[in-house]
Amino acid sequence: MSSIYDFQAQQINGQDISLSEYRGKVMLIVNTASKCGFTPQFGGLQELHKAYTGKGLVVLGFPCNQFGSQDPGADGEIAEFCQVNYGVSFPMMGKIDVNGPAAHPLYKWLSSEAPGLLGSKSIKWNFTKFLVGKDGQVIRRYAPTDKPADLAKDVEAALNA
């Protein structure tokens, strides 16, 4: 796989989508959880979505239950939670694994393209973020503690590239 456009995912409604649908867009890909200390970041992600979607940003949320079982619900419950509590209108995907033998191929690729601290390829926790440029290549990986608002400058730079 040579770019993000080589992957597909299942949307939270069960429909498959090729990430090539987002060709030429900047993407912010985030593994999410509904019952995590970082869950309020949904609000910040929605703000980025509102501010930059018209300029070419796509925020993609990938629910994951691998960290402290903090997203145990079914996809429909997750979608409702995100919409009701945070007004999420950016695309949410179906629940996936981001680490281990059942990790989604997209996350295997993302973590190899942008390793974490000390070269670690595993995702450490919920709300790890990856910024992907218009060319489909990973620009940067962000820690769960990095607030979405703090990514605005990098998002703008990627949109203007």
Protein backbone atom coordinates (compact mmCIF):
# COMPACT_ATOMS: atom_id res chain seq x y z
CA MET A 1 0.00 0.00 0.00
CA SER A 2 1.47 3.31 -1.04
CA SER A 3 -1.11 5.88 0.08
CA ILE A 4 -4.25 6.19 2.15
CA TYR A 5 -6.25 5.91 -1.06
CA ASP A 6 -5.37 2.21 -1.24
CA PHE A 7 -7.59 1.45 1.78
CA GLN A 8 -11.24 1.05 2.42
CA ALA A 9 -13.24 1.10 5.62
CA GLN A 10 -16.71 0.35 6.80
CA GLN A 11 -18.80 3.37 7.70
CA ILE A 12 -20.68 3.30 10.99
CA ASN A 13 -23.87 2.56 9.01
CA GLY A 14 -22.29 -0.65 7.68
CA GLN A 15 -21.58 0.63 4.15
CA ASP A 16 -18.08 0.14 2.75
CA ILE A 17 -16.22 3.21 1.49
CA SER A 18 -12.96 3.54 -0.38
CA LEU A 19 -10.75 6.20 1.15
CA SER A 20 -10.00 7.23 -2.44
CA GLU A 21 -13.37 9.05 -2.14
CA TYR A 22 -11.36 11.65 -0.21
CA ARG A 23 -8.61 12.05 -2.83
CA GLY A 24 -7.24 15.59 -2.81
CA LYS A 25 -8.54 16.28 0.70
CA VAL A 26 -6.61 16.65 3.94
CA MET A 27 -7.68 13.97 6.43
CA LEU A 28 -7.50 13.86 10.20
CA ILE A 29 -7.94 10.24 11.29
CA VAL A 30 -8.69 9.55 14.96
CA ASN A 31 -9.34 6.38 16.96
CA THR A 32 -12.19 7.34 19.26
CA ALA A 33 -13.94 6.04 22.36
CA SER A 34 -17.21 7.08 24.01
CA LYS A 35 -16.24 6.49 27.65
CA CYS A 36 -12.69 7.85 27.82
CA GLY A 37 -11.20 10.82 29.64
CA PHE A 38 -10.41 12.22 26.18
CA THR A 39 -14.00 11.76 24.89
CA PRO A 40 -14.69 15.54 25.14
CA GLN A 41 -12.23 15.86 22.21
CA PHE A 42 -15.23 14.96 20.02
CA GLY A 43 -16.28 18.58 20.54
CA GLY A 44 -12.91 19.89 19.34
CA LEU A 45 -12.88 17.52 16.38
CA GLN A 46 -16.35 18.76 15.42
CA GLU A 47 -15.09 22.35 15.65
CA LEU A 48 -12.20 21.53 13.28
CA HIS A 49 -14.68 19.83 10.97
CA LYS A 50 -16.97 22.89 10.95
CA ALA A 51 -14.11 25.34 10.47
CA TYR A 52 -12.24 23.52 7.70
CA THR A 53 -14.50 21.08 5.88
CA GLY A 54 -15.35 23.75 3.30
CA LYS A 55 -11.62 24.21 2.69
CA GLY A 56 -10.94 20.50 2.14
CA LEU A 57 -10.55 18.83 5.55
CA VAL A 58 -12.18 15.49 6.32
CA VAL A 59 -12.20 14.28 9.93
CA LEU A 60 -12.67 10.50 10.17
CA GLY A 61 -13.48 8.86 13.50
CA PHE A 62 -12.71 5.18 14.05
CA PRO A 63 -14.27 3.85 17.27
CA CYS A 64 -12.06 1.35 19.10
CA ASN A 65 -12.68 -0.69 22.24
CA GLN A 66 -9.08 -1.86 22.77
CA PHE A 67 -8.12 0.59 25.51
CA GLY A 68 -9.85 -0.06 28.82
CA SER A 69 -13.00 -1.29 27.03
CA GLN A 70 -14.03 2.36 26.70
CA ASP A 71 -16.23 1.95 23.63
CA PRO A 72 -18.26 -1.21 24.30
CA GLY A 73 -21.43 -0.20 22.42
CA ALA A 74 -22.60 -1.30 19.01
CA ASP A 75 -21.97 1.01 16.03
CA GLY A 76 -25.50 2.43 16.17
CA GLU A 77 -25.15 3.30 19.85
CA ILE A 78 -21.78 4.95 19.20
CA ALA A 79 -23.19 7.01 16.32
CA GLU A 80 -26.11 8.18 18.45
CA PHE A 81 -23.84 9.02 21.41
CA CYS A 82 -21.53 11.12 19.21
CA GLN A 83 -24.39 12.99 17.55
CA VAL A 84 -26.47 13.62 20.68
CA ASN A 85 -23.60 14.58 23.02
CA TYR A 86 -21.19 16.36 20.65
CA GLY A 87 -23.17 17.14 17.49
CA VAL A 88 -20.73 15.06 15.46
CA SER A 89 -21.41 15.47 11.76
CA PHE A 90 -18.04 14.28 10.43
CA PRO A 91 -17.85 10.71 9.10
CA MET A 92 -17.69 8.00 11.73
CA MET A 93 -16.56 4.52 10.73
CA GLY A 94 -17.43 1.15 12.17
CA LYS A 95 -15.60 -0.04 15.26
CA ILE A 96 -12.14 -1.50 14.58
CA ASP A 97 -9.00 -2.75 16.30
CA VAL A 98 -5.97 -0.50 15.90
CA ASN A 99 -3.36 -2.85 17.41
CA GLY A 100 -2.61 -6.55 17.33
CA PRO A 101 -3.29 -9.30 14.81
CA ALA A 102 -6.82 -8.05 14.06
CA ALA A 103 -5.74 -4.42 13.56
CA HIS A 104 -7.37 -2.73 10.60
CA PRO A 105 -4.93 -2.58 7.66
CA LEU A 106 -5.29 1.21 7.57
CA TYR A 107 -4.02 1.48 11.13
CA LYS A 108 -1.15 -0.90 10.46
CA TRP A 109 -0.13 1.39 7.60
CA LEU A 110 -0.66 4.66 9.52
CA SER A 111 1.39 3.51 12.50
CA SER A 112 4.23 2.29 10.29
CA GLU A 113 4.24 5.55 8.29
CA ALA A 114 4.27 7.71 11.43
CA PRO A 115 5.66 5.81 14.42
CA GLY A 116 5.08 7.16 17.89
CA LEU A 117 7.48 8.05 20.64
CA LEU A 118 10.78 6.15 20.44
CA GLY A 119 9.70 4.61 17.13
CA SER A 120 6.81 2.65 18.63
CA LYS A 121 4.37 1.49 15.98
CA SER A 122 1.53 0.60 18.33
CA ILE A 123 -1.27 3.00 19.17
CA LYS A 124 -0.98 3.84 22.87
CA TRP A 125 -4.51 5.05 23.66
CA ASN A 126 -7.78 6.50 22.38
CA PHE A 127 -7.71 9.74 20.40
CA THR A 128 -4.35 9.21 18.72
CA LYS A 129 -4.55 11.36 15.61
CA PHE A 130 -2.98 11.16 12.15
CA LEU A 131 -2.88 14.09 9.74
CA VAL A 132 -2.80 13.00 6.09
CA GLY A 133 -2.01 15.40 3.25
CA LYS A 134 -3.80 15.93 -0.05
CA ASP A 135 -1.32 13.50 -1.62
CA GLY A 136 -2.53 10.66 0.60
CA GLN A 137 0.67 10.54 2.67
CA VAL A 138 0.89 10.81 6.46
CA ILE A 139 2.17 14.20 7.59
CA ARG A 140 2.21 13.70 11.35
CA ARG A 141 1.01 11.63 14.28
CA TYR A 142 -0.39 13.31 17.39
CA ALA A 143 -0.71 11.98 20.93
CA PRO A 144 -4.07 11.53 22.65
CA THR A 145 -3.21 14.51 24.87
CA ASP A 146 -2.89 16.81 21.83
CA LYS A 147 -6.12 18.80 21.74
CA PRO A 148 -7.82 19.17 18.33
CA ALA A 149 -7.62 22.99 18.54
CA ASP A 150 -3.83 22.70 18.81
CA LEU A 151 -3.76 20.99 15.40
CA ALA A 152 -5.36 23.94 13.55
CA LYS A 153 -2.06 25.44 12.36
CA ASP A 154 -0.90 22.09 10.94
CA VAL A 155 -4.31 21.55 9.32
CA GLU A 156 -4.13 24.99 7.71
CA ALA A 157 -0.58 24.34 6.47
CA ALA A 158 -1.69 21.02 4.93
CA LEU A 159 -4.70 22.66 3.29
CA ASN A 160 -2.47 25.37 1.82
CA ALA A 161 0.21 22.95 0.60
